[in-house]
PDB file of all heavy atoms in Angstrom:
ATOM      1  N   MET A   1       4.559 118.012 130.661  1.00  0.00           N
ATOM      2  CA  MET A   1       3.273 117.640 130.076  1.00  0.00           C
ATOM      3  C   MET A   1       2.841 116.239 130.512  1.00  0.00           C
ATOM      4  O   MET A   1       1.658 115.975 130.695  1.00  0.00           O
ATOM      5  CB  MET A   1       3.367 117.762 128.567  1.00  0.00           C
ATOM      6  CG  MET A   1       3.634 119.210 128.142  1.00  0.00           C
ATOM      7  SD  MET A   1       3.930 119.393 126.391  1.00  0.00           S
ATOM      8  CE  MET A   1       4.857 120.931 126.363  1.00  0.00           C
ATOM      9  N   ARG A   2       3.804 115.362 130.689  1.00  0.00           N
ATOM     10  CA  ARG A   2       3.471 114.002 131.125  1.00  0.00           C
ATOM     11  C   ARG A   2       3.000 113.980 132.581  1.00  0.00           C
ATOM     12  O   ARG A   2       2.016 113.333 132.921  1.00  0.00           O
ATOM     13  CB  ARG A   2       4.697 113.098 130.973  1.00  0.00           C
ATOM     14  CG  ARG A   2       4.457 111.652 131.429  1.00  0.00           C
ATOM     15  CD  ARG A   2       5.654 110.792 131.098  1.00  0.00           C
ATOM     16  NE  ARG A   2       5.910 110.801 129.661  1.00  0.00           N
ATOM     17  CZ  ARG A   2       7.008 110.312 129.078  1.00  0.00           C
ATOM     18  NH1 ARG A   2       7.970 109.813 129.826  1.00  0.00           N
ATOM     19  NH2 ARG A   2       7.145 110.359 127.776  1.00  0.00           N
ATOM     20  N   LEU A   3       3.701 114.704 133.432  1.00  0.00           N
ATOM     21  CA  LEU A   3       3.378 114.686 134.858  1.00  0.00           C
ATOM     22  C   LEU A   3       2.145 115.522 135.175  1.00  0.00           C
ATOM     23  O   LEU A   3       1.404 115.220 136.105  1.00  0.00           O
ATOM     24  CB  LEU A   3       4.578 115.214 135.655  1.00  0.00           C
ATOM     25  CG  LEU A   3       5.786 114.286 135.687  1.00  0.00           C
ATOM     26  CD1 LEU A   3       7.041 115.048 136.037  1.00  0.00           C
ATOM     27  CD2 LEU A   3       5.545 113.147 136.666  1.00  0.00           C
ATOM     28  N   ASP A   4       1.957 116.594 134.423  1.00  0.00           N
ATOM     29  CA  ASP A   4       0.823 117.510 134.589  1.00  0.00           C
ATOM     30  C   ASP A   4       0.691 118.005 136.030  1.00  0.00           C
ATOM     31  O   ASP A   4      -0.399 118.015 136.604  1.00  0.00           O
ATOM     32  CB  ASP A   4      -0.479 116.865 134.108  1.00  0.00           C
ATOM     33  CG  ASP A   4      -1.533 117.913 133.739  1.00  0.00           C
ATOM     34  OD1 ASP A   4      -1.139 119.012 133.327  1.00  0.00           O
ATOM     35  OD2 ASP A   4      -2.740 117.618 133.877  1.00  0.00           O
ATOM     36  N   VAL A   5       1.819 118.401 136.609  1.00  0.00           N
ATOM     37  CA  VAL A   5       1.808 119.144 137.869  1.00  0.00           C
ATOM     38  C   VAL A   5       2.282 120.558 137.528  1.00  0.00           C
ATOM     39  O   VAL A   5       2.955 120.772 136.519  1.00  0.00           O
ATOM     40  CB  VAL A   5       2.731 118.505 138.931  1.00  0.00           C
ATOM     41  CG1 VAL A   5       2.268 117.101 139.267  1.00  0.00           C
ATOM     42  CG2 VAL A   5       4.185 118.495 138.471  1.00  0.00           C
ATOM     43  N   PRO A   6       1.930 121.567 138.328  1.00  0.00           N
ATOM     44  CA  PRO A   6       2.368 122.930 138.025  1.00  0.00           C
ATOM     45  C   PRO A   6       3.873 122.967 137.765  1.00  0.00           C
ATOM     46  O   PRO A   6       4.668 122.556 138.613  1.00  0.00           O
ATOM     47  CB  PRO A   6       1.979 123.702 139.276  1.00  0.00           C
ATOM     48  CG  PRO A   6       0.768 122.970 139.792  1.00  0.00           C
ATOM     49  CD  PRO A   6       1.062 121.517 139.534  1.00  0.00           C
ATOM     50  N   SER A   7       4.249 123.433 136.585  1.00  0.00           N
ATOM     51  CA  SER A   7       5.642 123.302 136.148  1.00  0.00           C
ATOM     52  C   SER A   7       6.126 124.531 135.406  1.00  0.00           C
ATOM     53  O   SER A   7       5.367 125.195 134.693  1.00  0.00           O
ATOM     54  CB  SER A   7       5.798 122.095 135.214  1.00  0.00           C
ATOM     55  OG  SER A   7       5.423 120.893 135.828  1.00  0.00           O
ATOM     56  N   MET A   8       7.406 124.787 135.549  1.00  0.00           N
ATOM     57  CA  MET A   8       8.056 125.816 134.747  1.00  0.00           C
ATOM     58  C   MET A   8       9.510 125.426 134.546  1.00  0.00           C
ATOM     59  O   MET A   8      10.046 124.549 135.238  1.00  0.00           O
ATOM     60  CB  MET A   8       7.944 127.186 135.408  1.00  0.00           C
ATOM     61  CG  MET A   8       8.617 127.292 136.740  1.00  0.00           C
ATOM     62  SD  MET A   8       8.241 128.861 137.556  1.00  0.00           S
ATOM     63  CE  MET A   8       8.616 130.010 136.260  1.00  0.00           C
ATOM     64  N   VAL A   9      10.139 126.084 133.578  1.00  0.00           N
ATOM     65  CA  VAL A   9      11.540 125.821 133.267  1.00  0.00           C
ATOM     66  C   VAL A   9      12.302 127.138 133.312  1.00  0.00           C
ATOM     67  O   VAL A   9      11.812 128.166 132.838  1.00  0.00           O
ATOM     68  CB  VAL A   9      11.689 125.159 131.878  1.00  0.00           C
ATOM     69  CG1 VAL A   9      13.164 124.976 131.522  1.00  0.00           C
ATOM     70  CG2 VAL A   9      10.970 123.801 131.850  1.00  0.00           C
ATOM     71  N   ILE A  10      13.485 127.093 133.894  1.00  0.00           N
ATOM     72  CA  ILE A  10      14.365 128.257 133.930  1.00  0.00           C
ATOM     73  C   ILE A  10      15.540 127.931 133.021  1.00  0.00           C
ATOM     74  O   ILE A  10      16.268 126.960 133.248  1.00  0.00           O
ATOM     75  CB  ILE A  10      14.849 128.571 135.369  1.00  0.00           C
ATOM     76  CG1 ILE A  10      13.655 128.918 136.262  1.00  0.00           C
ATOM     77  CG2 ILE A  10      15.844 129.716 135.360  1.00  0.00           C
ATOM     78  CD1 ILE A  10      12.953 127.737 136.885  1.00  0.00           C
ATOM     79  N   THR A  11      15.718 128.711 131.971  1.00  0.00           N
ATOM     80  CA  THR A  11      16.743 128.413 130.977  1.00  0.00           C
ATOM     81  C   THR A  11      18.102 128.953 131.393  1.00  0.00           C
ATOM     82  O   THR A  11      18.209 129.883 132.191  1.00  0.00           O
ATOM     83  CB  THR A  11      16.368 129.025 129.621  1.00  0.00           C
ATOM     84  OG1 THR A  11      16.453 130.464 129.713  1.00  0.00           O
ATOM     85  CG2 THR A  11      14.967 128.625 129.193  1.00  0.00           C
ATOM     86  N   GLY A  12      19.129 128.372 130.803  1.00  0.00           N
ATOM     87  CA  GLY A  12      20.492 128.826 131.076  1.00  0.00           C
ATOM     88  C   GLY A  12      20.925 129.993 130.218  1.00  0.00           C
ATOM     89  O   GLY A  12      21.978 130.588 130.451  1.00  0.00           O
ATOM     90  N   GLY A  13      20.135 130.337 129.197  1.00  0.00           N
ATOM     91  CA  GLY A  13      20.440 131.487 128.358  1.00  0.00           C
ATOM     92  C   GLY A  13      21.424 131.198 127.253  1.00  0.00           C
ATOM     93  O   GLY A  13      21.891 130.071 127.061  1.00  0.00           O
ATOM     94  N   ALA A  14      21.727 132.249 126.503  1.00  0.00           N
ATOM     95  CA  ALA A  14      22.574 132.129 125.317  1.00  0.00           C
ATOM     96  C   ALA A  14      24.019 132.519 125.608  1.00  0.00           C
ATOM     97  O   ALA A  14      24.302 133.327 126.491  1.00  0.00           O
ATOM     98  CB  ALA A  14      22.010 133.011 124.201  1.00  0.00           C
ATOM     99  N   MET A  15      24.910 131.951 124.833  1.00  0.00           N
ATOM    100  CA  MET A  15      26.337 132.254 124.900  1.00  0.00           C
ATOM    101  C   MET A  15      26.649 133.515 124.092  1.00  0.00           C
ATOM    102  O   MET A  15      26.008 133.786 123.074  1.00  0.00           O
ATOM    103  CB  MET A  15      27.111 131.068 124.312  1.00  0.00           C
ATOM    104  CG  MET A  15      28.609 131.253 124.204  1.00  0.00           C
ATOM    105  SD  MET A  15      29.378 129.930 123.224  1.00  0.00           S
ATOM    106  CE  MET A  15      29.222 128.542 124.358  1.00  0.00           C
ATOM    107  N   GLN A  16      27.632 134.265 124.527  1.00  0.00           N
ATOM    108  CA  GLN A  16      28.143 135.371 123.724  1.00  0.00           C
ATOM    109  C   GLN A  16      28.899 134.823 122.517  1.00  0.00           C
ATOM    110  O   GLN A  16      29.507 133.751 122.582  1.00  0.00           O
ATOM    111  CB  GLN A  16      29.106 136.233 124.559  1.00  0.00           C
ATOM    112  CG  GLN A  16      28.467 136.933 125.738  1.00  0.00           C
ATOM    113  CD  GLN A  16      27.610 138.118 125.329  1.00  0.00           C
ATOM    114  OE1 GLN A  16      27.713 138.618 124.215  1.00  0.00           O
ATOM    115  NE2 GLN A  16      26.765 138.577 126.242  1.00  0.00           N
ATOM    116  N   ALA A  17      28.851 135.531 121.413  1.00  0.00           N
ATOM    117  CA  ALA A  17      29.660 135.148 120.255  1.00  0.00           C
ATOM    118  C   ALA A  17      31.127 135.441 120.541  1.00  0.00           C
ATOM    119  O   ALA A  17      31.461 136.302 121.355  1.00  0.00           O
ATOM    120  CB  ALA A  17      29.201 135.907 119.021  1.00  0.00           C
ATOM    121  N   GLY A  18      32.013 134.727 119.862  1.00  0.00           N
ATOM    122  CA  GLY A  18      33.434 134.954 120.039  1.00  0.00           C
ATOM    123  C   GLY A  18      33.978 135.993 119.074  1.00  0.00           C
ATOM    124  O   GLY A  18      33.295 136.414 118.141  1.00  0.00           O
ATOM    125  N   GLN A  19      35.201 136.410 119.306  1.00  0.00           N
ATOM    126  CA  GLN A  19      35.908 137.324 118.412  1.00  0.00           C
ATOM    127  C   GLN A  19      37.249 136.692 118.052  1.00  0.00           C
ATOM    128  O   GLN A  19      38.012 136.286 118.929  1.00  0.00           O
ATOM    129  CB  GLN A  19      36.123 138.681 119.091  1.00  0.00           C
ATOM    130  CG  GLN A  19      34.858 139.457 119.359  1.00  0.00           C
ATOM    131  CD  GLN A  19      34.194 139.942 118.078  1.00  0.00           C
ATOM    132  OE1 GLN A  19      34.870 140.357 117.119  1.00  0.00           O
ATOM    133  NE2 GLN A  19      32.873 139.886 118.033  1.00  0.00           N
ATOM    134  N   HIS A  20      37.502 136.614 116.752  1.00  0.00           N
ATOM    135  CA  HIS A  20      38.751 135.991 116.310  1.00  0.00           C
ATOM    136  C   HIS A  20      39.240 136.715 115.064  1.00  0.00           C
ATOM    137  O   HIS A  20      38.509 136.834 114.066  1.00  0.00           O
ATOM    138  CB  HIS A  20      38.523 134.507 116.009  1.00  0.00           C
ATOM    139  CG  HIS A  20      39.752 133.792 115.515  1.00  0.00           C
ATOM    140  ND1 HIS A  20      40.875 133.645 116.286  1.00  0.00           N
ATOM    141  CD2 HIS A  20      40.019 133.196 114.320  1.00  0.00           C
ATOM    142  CE1 HIS A  20      41.785 132.968 115.603  1.00  0.00           C
ATOM    143  NE2 HIS A  20      41.299 132.700 114.405  1.00  0.00           N
ATOM    144  N   CYS A  21      40.445 137.228 115.114  1.00  0.00           N
ATOM    145  CA  CYS A  21      41.045 137.954 113.983  1.00  0.00           C
ATOM    146  C   CYS A  21      40.144 139.085 113.501  1.00  0.00           C
ATOM    147  O   CYS A  21      39.976 139.304 112.290  1.00  0.00           O
ATOM    148  CB  CYS A  21      41.354 136.992 112.834  1.00  0.00           C
ATOM    149  SG  CYS A  21      42.590 135.743 113.239  1.00  0.00           S
ATOM    150  N   GLY A  22      39.511 139.767 114.466  1.00  0.00           N
ATOM    151  CA  GLY A  22      38.685 140.914 114.132  1.00  0.00           C
ATOM    152  C   GLY A  22      37.302 140.577 113.617  1.00  0.00           C
ATOM    153  O   GLY A  22      36.568 141.472 113.197  1.00  0.00           O
ATOM    154  N   LYS A  23      36.929 139.289 113.678  1.00  0.00           N
ATOM    155  CA  LYS A  23      35.620 138.877 113.182  1.00  0.00           C
ATOM    156  C   LYS A  23      34.817 138.202 114.279  1.00  0.00           C
ATOM    157  O   LYS A  23      35.383 137.553 115.171  1.00  0.00           O
ATOM    158  CB  LYS A  23      35.770 137.907 112.002  1.00  0.00           C
ATOM    159  CG  LYS A  23      36.393 138.518 110.756  1.00  0.00           C
ATOM    160  CD  LYS A  23      36.461 137.482 109.641  1.00  0.00           C
ATOM    161  CE  LYS A  23      37.077 138.066 108.372  1.00  0.00           C
ATOM    162  NZ  LYS A  23      37.162 137.057 107.286  1.00  0.00           N
ATOM    163  N   THR A  24      33.474 138.340 114.194  1.00  0.00           N
ATOM    164  CA  THR A  24      32.596 137.614 115.102  1.00  0.00           C
ATOM    165  C   THR A  24      32.519 136.167 114.645  1.00  0.00           C
ATOM    166  O   THR A  24      32.302 135.881 113.454  1.00  0.00           O
ATOM    167  CB  THR A  24      31.185 138.228 115.094  1.00  0.00           C
ATOM    168  OG1 THR A  24      31.272 139.571 115.578  1.00  0.00           O
ATOM    169  CG2 THR A  24      30.241 137.438 115.986  1.00  0.00           C
ATOM    170  N   VAL A  25      32.720 135.234 115.568  1.00  0.00           N
ATOM    171  CA  VAL A  25      32.709 133.808 115.214  1.00  0.00           C
ATOM    172  C   VAL A  25      31.833 133.043 116.208  1.00  0.00           C
ATOM    173  O   VAL A  25      31.676 133.440 117.361  1.00  0.00           O
ATOM    174  CB  VAL A  25      34.134 133.202 115.219  1.00  0.00           C
ATOM    175  CG1 VAL A  25      34.959 133.731 114.060  1.00  0.00           C
ATOM    176  CG2 VAL A  25      34.848 133.477 116.546  1.00  0.00           C
ATOM    177  N   VAL A  26      31.265 131.951 115.727  1.00  0.00           N
ATOM    178  CA  VAL A  26      30.527 131.017 116.573  1.00  0.00           C
ATOM    179  C   VAL A  26      31.139 129.639 116.385  1.00  0.00           C
ATOM    180  O   VAL A  26      31.957 129.423 115.474  1.00  0.00           O
ATOM    181  CB  VAL A  26      29.019 131.002 116.227  1.00  0.00           C
ATOM    182  CG1 VAL A  26      28.385 132.341 116.552  1.00  0.00           C
ATOM    183  CG2 VAL A  26      28.771 130.639 114.767  1.00  0.00           C
ATOM    184  N   GLU A  27      30.729 128.698 117.208  1.00  0.00           N
ATOM    185  CA  GLU A  27      31.359 127.376 117.224  1.00  0.00           C
ATOM    186  C   GLU A  27      31.355 126.719 115.849  1.00  0.00           C
ATOM    187  O   GLU A  27      32.325 126.059 115.448  1.00  0.00           O
ATOM    188  CB  GLU A  27      30.645 126.491 118.252  1.00  0.00           C
ATOM    189  CG  GLU A  27      31.333 125.180 118.559  1.00  0.00           C
ATOM    190  CD  GLU A  27      30.961 124.094 117.565  1.00  0.00           C
ATOM    191  OE1 GLU A  27      29.881 124.183 116.954  1.00  0.00           O
ATOM    192  OE2 GLU A  27      31.759 123.149 117.390  1.00  0.00           O
ATOM    193  N   ALA A  28      30.274 126.912 115.078  1.00  0.00           N
ATOM    194  CA  ALA A  28      30.162 126.268 113.768  1.00  0.00           C
ATOM    195  C   ALA A  28      31.246 126.744 112.801  1.00  0.00           C
ATOM    196  O   ALA A  28      31.563 126.045 111.824  1.00  0.00           O
ATOM    197  CB  ALA A  28      28.778 126.525 113.180  1.00  0.00           C
ATOM    198  N   ASP A  29      31.834 127.917 113.054  1.00  0.00           N
ATOM    199  CA  ASP A  29      32.881 128.424 112.164  1.00  0.00           C
ATOM    200  C   ASP A  29      34.146 127.580 112.223  1.00  0.00           C
ATOM    201  O   ASP A  29      34.995 127.662 111.322  1.00  0.00           O
ATOM    202  CB  ASP A  29      33.213 129.878 112.521  1.00  0.00           C
ATOM    203  CG  ASP A  29      32.078 130.831 112.192  1.00  0.00           C
ATOM    204  OD1 ASP A  29      31.461 130.660 111.120  1.00  0.00           O
ATOM    205  OD2 ASP A  29      31.787 131.732 113.002  1.00  0.00           O
ATOM    206  N   LEU A  30      34.300 126.780 113.269  1.00  0.00           N
ATOM    207  CA  LEU A  30      35.464 125.896 113.355  1.00  0.00           C
ATOM    208  C   LEU A  30      35.526 124.935 112.180  1.00  0.00           C
ATOM    209  O   LEU A  30      36.604 124.607 111.678  1.00  0.00           O
ATOM    210  CB  LEU A  30      35.423 125.097 114.662  1.00  0.00           C
ATOM    211  CG  LEU A  30      35.922 125.789 115.933  1.00  0.00           C
ATOM    212  CD1 LEU A  30      35.593 124.929 117.139  1.00  0.00           C
ATOM    213  CD2 LEU A  30      37.417 126.041 115.855  1.00  0.00           C
ATOM    214  N   ASP A  31      34.352 124.462 111.742  1.00  0.00           N
ATOM    215  CA  ASP A  31      34.326 123.475 110.664  1.00  0.00           C
ATOM    216  C   ASP A  31      34.826 124.066 109.351  1.00  0.00           C
ATOM    217  O   ASP A  31      35.578 123.429 108.607  1.00  0.00           O
ATOM    218  CB  ASP A  31      32.924 122.907 110.495  1.00  0.00           C
ATOM    219  CG  ASP A  31      32.479 122.121 111.712  1.00  0.00           C
ATOM    220  OD1 ASP A  31      33.250 121.259 112.164  1.00  0.00           O
ATOM    221  OD2 ASP A  31      31.386 122.381 112.227  1.00  0.00           O
ATOM    222  N   ALA A  32      34.389 125.304 109.061  1.00  0.00           N
ATOM    223  CA  ALA A  32      34.861 125.958 107.843  1.00  0.00           C
ATOM    224  C   ALA A  32      36.373 126.106 107.877  1.00  0.00           C
ATOM    225  O   ALA A  32      37.064 125.868 106.877  1.00  0.00           O
ATOM    226  CB  ALA A  32      34.189 127.315 107.680  1.00  0.00           C
ATOM    227  N   ALA A  33      36.903 126.475 109.038  1.00  0.00           N
ATOM    228  CA  ALA A  33      38.349 126.629 109.170  1.00  0.00           C
ATOM    229  C   ALA A  33      39.059 125.288 109.010  1.00  0.00           C
ATOM    230  O   ALA A  33      40.105 125.183 108.355  1.00  0.00           O
ATOM    231  CB  ALA A  33      38.679 127.248 110.529  1.00  0.00           C
ATOM    232  N   ARG A  34      38.460 124.254 109.601  1.00  0.00           N
ATOM    233  CA  ARG A  34      39.083 122.919 109.548  1.00  0.00           C
ATOM    234  C   ARG A  34      39.196 122.417 108.109  1.00  0.00           C
ATOM    235  O   ARG A  34      40.233 121.909 107.688  1.00  0.00           O
ATOM    236  CB  ARG A  34      38.241 121.967 110.399  1.00  0.00           C
ATOM    237  CG  ARG A  34      38.765 120.551 110.484  1.00  0.00           C
ATOM    238  CD  ARG A  34      38.113 119.814 111.656  1.00  0.00           C
ATOM    239  NE  ARG A  34      36.673 119.773 111.563  1.00  0.00           N
ATOM    240  CZ  ARG A  34      35.981 118.741 111.082  1.00  0.00           C
ATOM    241  NH1 ARG A  34      36.618 117.669 110.634  1.00  0.00           N
ATOM    242  NH2 ARG A  34      34.664 118.748 111.067  1.00  0.00           N
ATOM    243  N   PHE A  35      38.111 122.576 107.337  1.00  0.00           N
ATOM    244  CA  PHE A  35      38.123 122.056 105.976  1.00  0.00           C
ATOM    245  C   PHE A  35      38.846 122.977 104.993  1.00  0.00           C
ATOM    246  O   PHE A  35      39.136 122.574 103.868  1.00  0.00           O
ATOM    247  CB  PHE A  35      36.693 121.805 105.499  1.00  0.00           C
ATOM    248  CG  PHE A  35      36.074 120.575 106.102  1.00  0.00           C
ATOM    249  CD1 PHE A  35      35.178 120.677 107.152  1.00  0.00           C
ATOM    250  CD2 PHE A  35      36.414 119.314 105.648  1.00  0.00           C
ATOM    251  CE1 PHE A  35      34.616 119.545 107.725  1.00  0.00           C
ATOM    252  CE2 PHE A  35      35.871 118.177 106.211  1.00  0.00           C
ATOM    253  CZ  PHE A  35      34.961 118.289 107.255  1.00  0.00           C
ATOM    254  N   SER A  36      39.126 124.205 105.405  1.00  0.00           N
ATOM    255  CA  SER A  36      39.862 125.106 104.523  1.00  0.00           C
ATOM    256  C   SER A  36      41.365 124.909 104.631  1.00  0.00           C
ATOM    257  O   SER A  36      42.146 125.612 103.990  1.00  0.00           O
ATOM    258  CB  SER A  36      39.516 126.566 104.846  1.00  0.00           C
ATOM    259  OG  SER A  36      40.001 126.916 106.140  1.00  0.00           O
ATOM    260  N   GLY A  37      41.762 123.950 105.474  1.00  0.00           N
ATOM    261  CA  GLY A  37      43.177 123.623 105.577  1.00  0.00           C
ATOM    262  C   GLY A  37      43.903 124.282 106.720  1.00  0.00           C
ATOM    263  O   GLY A  37      45.141 124.307 106.742  1.00  0.00           O
ATOM    264  N   ALA A  38      43.165 124.815 107.690  1.00  0.00           N
ATOM    265  CA  ALA A  38      43.803 125.445 108.844  1.00  0.00           C
ATOM    266  C   ALA A  38      44.651 124.429 109.601  1.00  0.00           C
ATOM    267  O   ALA A  38      44.271 123.252 109.732  1.00  0.00           O
ATOM    268  CB  ALA A  38      42.743 126.036 109.773  1.00  0.00           C
ATOM    269  N   SER A  39      45.780 124.866 110.104  1.00  0.00           N
ATOM    270  CA  SER A  39      46.654 123.985 110.876  1.00  0.00           C
ATOM    271  C   SER A  39      46.074 123.761 112.260  1.00  0.00           C
ATOM    272  O   SER A  39      45.169 124.482 112.700  1.00  0.00           O
ATOM    273  CB  SER A  39      48.041 124.611 111.005  1.00  0.00           C
ATOM    274  OG  SER A  39      47.964 125.777 111.820  1.00  0.00           O
ATOM    275  N   GLU A  40      46.614 122.770 112.968  1.00  0.00           N
ATOM    276  CA  GLU A  40      46.138 122.502 114.323  1.00  0.00           C
ATOM    277  C   GLU A  40      46.405 123.706 115.228  1.00  0.00           C
ATOM    278  O   GLU A  40      45.590 124.029 116.089  1.00  0.00           O
ATOM    279  CB  GLU A  40      46.809 121.253 114.887  1.00  0.00           C
ATOM    280  CG  GLU A  40      46.235 120.852 116.230  1.00  0.00           C
ATOM    281  CD  GLU A  40      46.670 119.462 116.677  1.00  0.00           C
ATOM    282  OE1 GLU A  40      47.311 118.758 115.885  1.00  0.00           O
ATOM    283  OE2 GLU A  40      46.352 119.107 117.823  1.00  0.00           O
ATOM    284  N   GLU A  41      47.529 124.406 114.998  1.00  0.00           N
ATOM    285  CA  GLU A  41      47.840 125.589 115.800  1.00  0.00           C
ATOM    286  C   GLU A  41      46.815 126.696 115.549  1.00  0.00           C
ATOM    287  O   GLU A  41      46.362 127.375 116.486  1.00  0.00           O
ATOM    288  CB  GLU A  41      49.250 126.089 115.475  1.00  0.00           C
ATOM    289  CG  GLU A  41      50.374 125.185 115.958  1.00  0.00           C
ATOM    290  CD  GLU A  41      50.535 123.921 115.094  1.00  0.00           C
ATOM    291  OE1 GLU A  41      50.018 123.902 113.948  1.00  0.00           O
ATOM    292  OE2 GLU A  41      51.155 122.954 115.578  1.00  0.00           O
ATOM    293  N   GLU A  42      46.439 126.888 114.280  1.00  0.00           N
ATOM    294  CA  GLU A  42      45.437 127.905 113.942  1.00  0.00           C
ATOM    295  C   GLU A  42      44.079 127.554 114.529  1.00  0.00           C
ATOM    296  O   GLU A  42      43.357 128.425 115.031  1.00  0.00           O
ATOM    297  CB  GLU A  42      45.343 128.064 112.425  1.00  0.00           C
ATOM    298  CG  GLU A  42      46.563 128.708 111.796  1.00  0.00           C
ATOM    299  CD  GLU A  42      46.561 128.634 110.285  1.00  0.00           C
ATOM    300  OE1 GLU A  42      46.060 127.617 109.733  1.00  0.00           O
ATOM    301  OE2 GLU A  42      47.049 129.575 109.652  1.00  0.00           O
TER     302      GLU A  42
END
């Protein structure tokens, strides 16, 4: 918008969700695990 020359953006797209212990997980789920007392190994 600042340059105002013909412009477009090509996005990198979305990440697949993870699977852990039979459940779909995303990165934010790490925090719940961390505060619930999960060990470093877990």
